[in-house]
N, C-alpha and C. Protein backbone atom coordinates (compact mmCIF):
# COMPACT_ATOMS: atom_id res chain seq x y z
N MET A 1 96.72 107.03 109.66
CA MET A 1 97.10 106.64 110.90
C MET A 1 97.08 105.55 111.32
N ILE A 2 97.58 104.53 111.21
CA ILE A 2 97.79 102.87 111.19
C ILE A 2 96.79 102.61 112.49
N VAL A 3 97.18 102.90 113.41
CA VAL A 3 96.03 101.86 114.56
C VAL A 3 95.96 103.14 115.38
N ARG A 4 94.57 102.59 116.13
CA ARG A 4 93.26 104.05 117.04
C ARG A 4 92.50 103.17 117.52
N ASP A 5 92.42 103.57 119.62
CA ASP A 5 91.81 102.80 119.46
C ASP A 5 90.03 103.02 119.34
N SER A 6 89.93 101.99 119.79
CA SER A 6 88.19 102.41 119.57
C SER A 6 87.46 101.78 121.30
N ASP A 7 85.69 102.10 120.72
CA ASP A 7 85.16 101.35 122.19
C ASP A 7 85.16 99.75 121.84
N HIS A 8 85.51 99.13 120.51
CA HIS A 8 85.88 98.26 120.30
C HIS A 8 86.43 96.65 120.39
N GLY A 9 88.04 98.06 120.60
CA GLY A 9 89.53 97.55 120.68
C GLY A 9 90.31 98.17 119.43
N ALA A 10 91.61 97.83 118.82
CA ALA A 10 92.09 98.34 118.16
C ALA A 10 91.78 98.23 117.07
N ILE A 11 92.01 99.00 116.82
CA ILE A 11 91.49 99.27 114.48
C ILE A 11 93.21 99.09 114.00
N LEU A 12 92.88 98.46 113.00
CA LEU A 12 94.33 98.52 112.49
C LEU A 12 94.00 98.59 111.18
N THR A 13 94.81 99.53 110.27
CA THR A 13 94.70 99.44 109.20
C THR A 13 96.32 98.89 108.07
N VAL A 14 96.01 97.78 107.33
CA VAL A 14 97.05 97.23 106.92
C VAL A 14 96.91 96.75 105.19
N HIS A 15 98.38 97.26 104.36
CA HIS A 15 97.52 96.71 102.84
C HIS A 15 98.96 95.12 102.71
N VAL A 16 97.89 94.79 102.06
CA VAL A 16 98.67 93.14 102.90
C VAL A 16 99.14 92.62 100.97
N GLN A 17 100.48 92.32 100.96
CA GLN A 17 101.28 91.47 99.80
C GLN A 17 100.90 90.10 100.12
N PRO A 18 100.00 89.23 99.54
CA PRO A 18 99.60 88.01 98.92
C PRO A 18 100.12 87.30 98.26
N ASN A 19 100.81 86.07 98.64
CA ASN A 19 101.40 84.71 97.54
C ASN A 19 103.18 85.55 97.86
N ALA A 20 103.69 86.15 99.22
CA ALA A 20 104.83 85.70 99.69
C ALA A 20 105.77 84.50 100.25
N ALA A 21 107.09 84.87 100.40
CA ALA A 21 107.49 83.31 100.55
C ALA A 21 106.94 83.13 102.12
N ARG A 22 106.44 84.35 102.97
CA ARG A 22 106.30 83.69 104.25
C ARG A 22 105.50 85.25 104.76
N THR A 23 104.80 84.79 106.02
CA THR A 23 104.22 85.61 106.41
C THR A 23 104.93 86.51 107.69
N GLU A 24 104.56 88.14 107.75
CA GLU A 24 105.46 88.73 108.02
C GLU A 24 105.16 90.11 107.75
N CYS A 25 105.67 90.83 109.16
CA CYS A 25 105.20 92.58 108.57
C CYS A 25 106.09 92.85 108.65
N VAL A 26 106.10 94.17 107.49
CA VAL A 26 107.56 94.53 106.83
C VAL A 26 107.68 96.63 107.16
N GLY A 27 106.97 96.56 108.16
CA GLY A 27 106.75 98.24 108.83
C GLY A 27 105.64 99.08 108.04
N ALA A 28 105.38 100.37 107.45
CA ALA A 28 104.74 101.25 107.94
C ALA A 28 104.83 101.32 105.90
N HIS A 29 103.78 101.30 105.80
CA HIS A 29 103.42 101.43 104.48
C HIS A 29 102.40 102.53 103.81
N GLY A 30 103.06 104.41 104.23
CA GLY A 30 102.37 104.62 104.08
C GLY A 30 101.43 105.30 105.56
N ASP A 31 99.83 104.95 104.96
CA ASP A 31 99.25 105.32 106.66
C ASP A 31 99.22 103.90 106.90
N ALA A 32 99.33 102.90 106.02
CA ALA A 32 98.91 101.36 107.22
C ALA A 32 100.47 100.98 107.45
N LEU A 33 100.31 99.45 107.71
CA LEU A 33 101.21 98.33 108.53
C LEU A 33 101.00 97.52 107.05
N LYS A 34 102.32 97.39 106.30
CA LYS A 34 101.98 96.31 105.34
C LYS A 34 102.61 94.73 105.97
N ILE A 35 102.27 94.31 105.75
CA ILE A 35 101.95 92.59 105.91
C ILE A 35 102.07 91.75 104.76
N ARG A 36 103.33 90.98 105.36
CA ARG A 36 103.48 89.90 103.42
C ARG A 36 102.38 88.67 103.44
N LEU A 37 102.00 87.90 103.70
CA LEU A 37 101.12 87.10 103.65
C LEU A 37 101.61 85.91 102.57
N ALA A 38 101.67 84.50 103.50
CA ALA A 38 102.18 83.61 102.80
C ALA A 38 100.66 82.54 102.37
N ALA A 39 100.25 83.24 101.92
CA ALA A 39 98.66 82.74 101.03
C ALA A 39 98.58 83.44 99.72
N ARG A 40 97.49 82.82 98.76
CA ARG A 40 97.36 83.63 97.94
C ARG A 40 95.99 83.84 97.85
N PRO A 41 95.21 84.72 97.38
CA PRO A 41 94.31 85.81 97.35
C PRO A 41 93.25 84.93 96.69
N ILE A 42 93.13 83.25 97.20
CA ILE A 42 92.09 82.70 96.76
C ILE A 42 91.10 81.92 97.48
N ASP A 43 89.68 82.27 97.99
CA ASP A 43 89.03 81.76 98.44
C ASP A 43 89.27 82.23 99.92
N GLY A 44 89.83 83.47 100.16
CA GLY A 44 89.67 83.89 101.78
C GLY A 44 91.12 83.37 102.15
N ALA A 45 91.94 82.44 101.38
CA ALA A 45 93.30 82.28 102.17
C ALA A 45 94.36 83.18 102.97
N ALA A 46 93.64 84.30 101.55
CA ALA A 46 94.54 85.70 102.48
C ALA A 46 94.19 85.91 103.52
N ASN A 47 93.00 86.80 103.55
CA ASN A 47 92.77 87.05 104.95
C ASN A 47 92.31 86.07 106.05
N ASP A 48 92.28 84.42 106.14
CA ASP A 48 92.64 83.88 107.25
C ASP A 48 93.46 83.76 107.43
N GLU A 49 95.20 84.30 106.41
CA GLU A 49 96.48 83.76 107.19
C GLU A 49 96.43 85.01 108.00
N LEU A 50 95.98 86.36 107.86
CA LEU A 50 95.81 87.56 108.03
C LEU A 50 95.58 87.60 108.90
N ILE A 51 94.27 87.22 109.67
CA ILE A 51 93.66 87.66 111.12
C ILE A 51 94.87 85.83 112.06
N ARG A 52 94.93 84.58 111.19
CA ARG A 52 95.55 84.34 112.28
C ARG A 52 97.03 84.87 112.46
N PHE A 53 97.91 85.27 111.61
CA PHE A 53 98.48 85.96 112.45
C PHE A 53 98.58 87.20 113.15
N ILE A 54 98.12 88.04 112.91
CA ILE A 54 97.02 89.30 113.61
C ILE A 54 97.12 88.51 115.07
N ALA A 55 96.20 87.38 114.80
CA ALA A 55 95.75 86.68 116.22
C ALA A 55 97.16 86.35 117.33
N GLU A 56 98.11 85.62 116.80
CA GLU A 56 99.09 85.23 117.86
C GLU A 56 100.18 85.96 117.95
N GLN A 57 100.12 87.11 116.75
CA GLN A 57 101.01 87.70 117.25
C GLN A 57 101.14 88.80 118.14
N CYS A 58 99.38 88.75 118.15
CA CYS A 58 99.08 89.90 119.53
C CYS A 58 98.71 88.96 120.89
N VAL A 59 98.69 88.12 120.40
CA VAL A 59 98.78 86.91 121.85
C VAL A 59 97.31 86.83 122.28
N VAL A 60 95.90 86.67 121.43
CA VAL A 60 94.23 86.92 121.50
C VAL A 60 93.69 85.58 120.84
N PRO A 61 92.66 85.54 121.18
CA PRO A 61 91.83 84.27 119.93
C PRO A 61 91.48 85.25 118.90
N ARG A 62 91.82 84.06 118.28
CA ARG A 62 91.10 84.56 115.92
C ARG A 62 90.31 85.20 116.81
N ALA A 63 89.08 84.60 117.36
CA ALA A 63 87.80 85.06 117.26
C ALA A 63 87.90 86.99 117.97
N HIS A 64 88.90 87.51 118.57
CA HIS A 64 88.62 88.54 118.36
C HIS A 64 89.23 89.31 117.51
N VAL A 65 89.87 88.93 116.42
CA VAL A 65 90.21 89.91 115.56
C VAL A 65 89.49 89.86 114.08
N GLN A 66 89.01 90.91 114.01
CA GLN A 66 87.16 90.85 112.76
C GLN A 66 87.97 91.77 111.54
N LEU A 67 87.63 91.06 110.48
CA LEU A 67 88.31 92.10 108.79
C LEU A 67 86.91 93.38 109.12
N GLN A 68 86.92 94.31 109.50
CA GLN A 68 85.93 95.24 109.08
C GLN A 68 85.77 95.85 107.90
N ALA A 69 86.84 95.87 106.43
CA ALA A 69 86.41 96.41 105.40
C ALA A 69 87.88 95.98 104.61
N GLY A 70 87.56 95.90 103.94
CA GLY A 70 88.50 95.49 102.33
C GLY A 70 88.98 94.29 102.02
N ALA A 71 87.68 92.84 102.06
CA ALA A 71 87.68 91.77 101.86
C ALA A 71 88.74 91.10 101.00
N ALA A 72 88.26 92.10 99.57
CA ALA A 72 88.53 91.89 98.63
C ALA A 72 89.90 92.99 98.26
N ALA A 73 89.86 93.69 99.10
CA ALA A 73 91.41 94.58 98.49
C ALA A 73 92.36 94.24 99.16
N ARG A 74 93.67 94.94 98.68
CA ARG A 74 95.03 95.12 99.92
C ARG A 74 95.23 95.89 100.42
N ARG A 75 94.04 96.69 100.92
CA ARG A 75 94.07 97.62 101.68
C ARG A 75 92.90 97.21 102.78
N LYS A 76 93.24 96.90 103.87
CA LYS A 76 92.39 96.21 105.18
C LYS A 76 91.77 97.10 106.52
N ARG A 77 91.11 96.73 106.81
CA ARG A 77 90.72 97.14 108.33
C ARG A 77 90.79 96.48 109.01
N LEU A 78 90.65 95.55 109.74
CA LEU A 78 90.67 94.98 111.36
C LEU A 78 90.19 95.78 112.34
N CYS A 79 89.44 95.13 113.08
CA CYS A 79 89.17 95.21 115.09
C CYS A 79 89.71 94.04 115.67
N VAL A 80 91.01 94.62 116.52
CA VAL A 80 91.87 93.54 117.27
C VAL A 80 91.23 93.47 118.55
N GLN A 81 90.00 92.93 119.39
CA GLN A 81 89.50 93.13 120.44
C GLN A 81 90.70 92.51 121.47
N GLY A 82 91.07 93.79 123.01
CA GLY A 82 91.51 92.78 123.66
C GLY A 82 93.04 93.02 124.27
N ILE A 83 93.35 94.11 123.30
CA ILE A 83 94.65 94.57 123.10
C ILE A 83 94.25 96.69 122.91
N THR A 84 95.63 97.56 123.12
CA THR A 84 95.54 98.93 123.12
C THR A 84 96.54 98.80 121.95
N ALA A 85 96.11 100.25 121.48
CA ALA A 85 96.62 100.43 119.65
C ALA A 85 98.39 100.22 119.92
N GLN A 86 98.51 101.04 121.09
CA GLN A 86 100.10 100.94 121.44
C GLN A 86 100.78 99.57 121.31
N ALA A 87 99.76 99.03 122.16
CA ALA A 87 100.74 97.34 122.50
C ALA A 87 100.53 96.30 121.18
N LEU A 88 99.75 96.62 119.77
CA LEU A 88 99.19 96.19 119.26
C LEU A 88 100.59 96.46 117.86
N LEU A 89 101.04 97.76 117.90
CA LEU A 89 101.74 98.12 117.09
C LEU A 89 103.25 97.76 117.88
N ALA A 90 103.65 97.44 119.31
CA ALA A 90 104.21 96.95 119.74
C ALA A 90 105.09 95.58 119.28
N ARG A 91 103.90 94.68 119.33
CA ARG A 91 103.90 93.59 119.01
C ARG A 91 104.21 93.72 117.16
N LEU A 92 103.79 94.12 116.66
CA LEU A 92 103.71 93.63 115.10
C LEU A 92 104.79 94.48 114.45
N MET A 93 105.50 95.69 114.43
CA MET A 93 106.56 96.36 113.94
C MET A 93 107.31 95.61 113.70
N PRO A 94 108.35 95.71 112.65
CA PRO A 94 109.85 94.76 113.24
C PRO A 94 110.60 95.41 114.09
N GLN A 95 111.72 94.39 114.55
CA GLN A 95 112.52 94.20 115.37
C GLN A 95 113.69 95.03 115.03
N ASP A 96 113.89 95.57 114.69
CA ASP A 96 115.74 95.50 114.08
C ASP A 96 117.27 94.95 114.91
């Protein structure tokens, strides 16, 4: 399951590809959402870019996006407060 609602907000599973030309969501990648990040995975830069991107796309403050698991891995789990799972997917999924 890519995203689900919880008591604390929407729980999102992502697969990141750091060091991309631009930051964008490219769609489903198994049971995760694949996001390309225009940041290198050095000193937390990719994680910071991921949080910035999710917050901007979901129109929530950065403080409402928290990395729960996978800080040093490509597969990460985030909690996004102030938005439902359905609304989060609608804002992140690429529109063809």
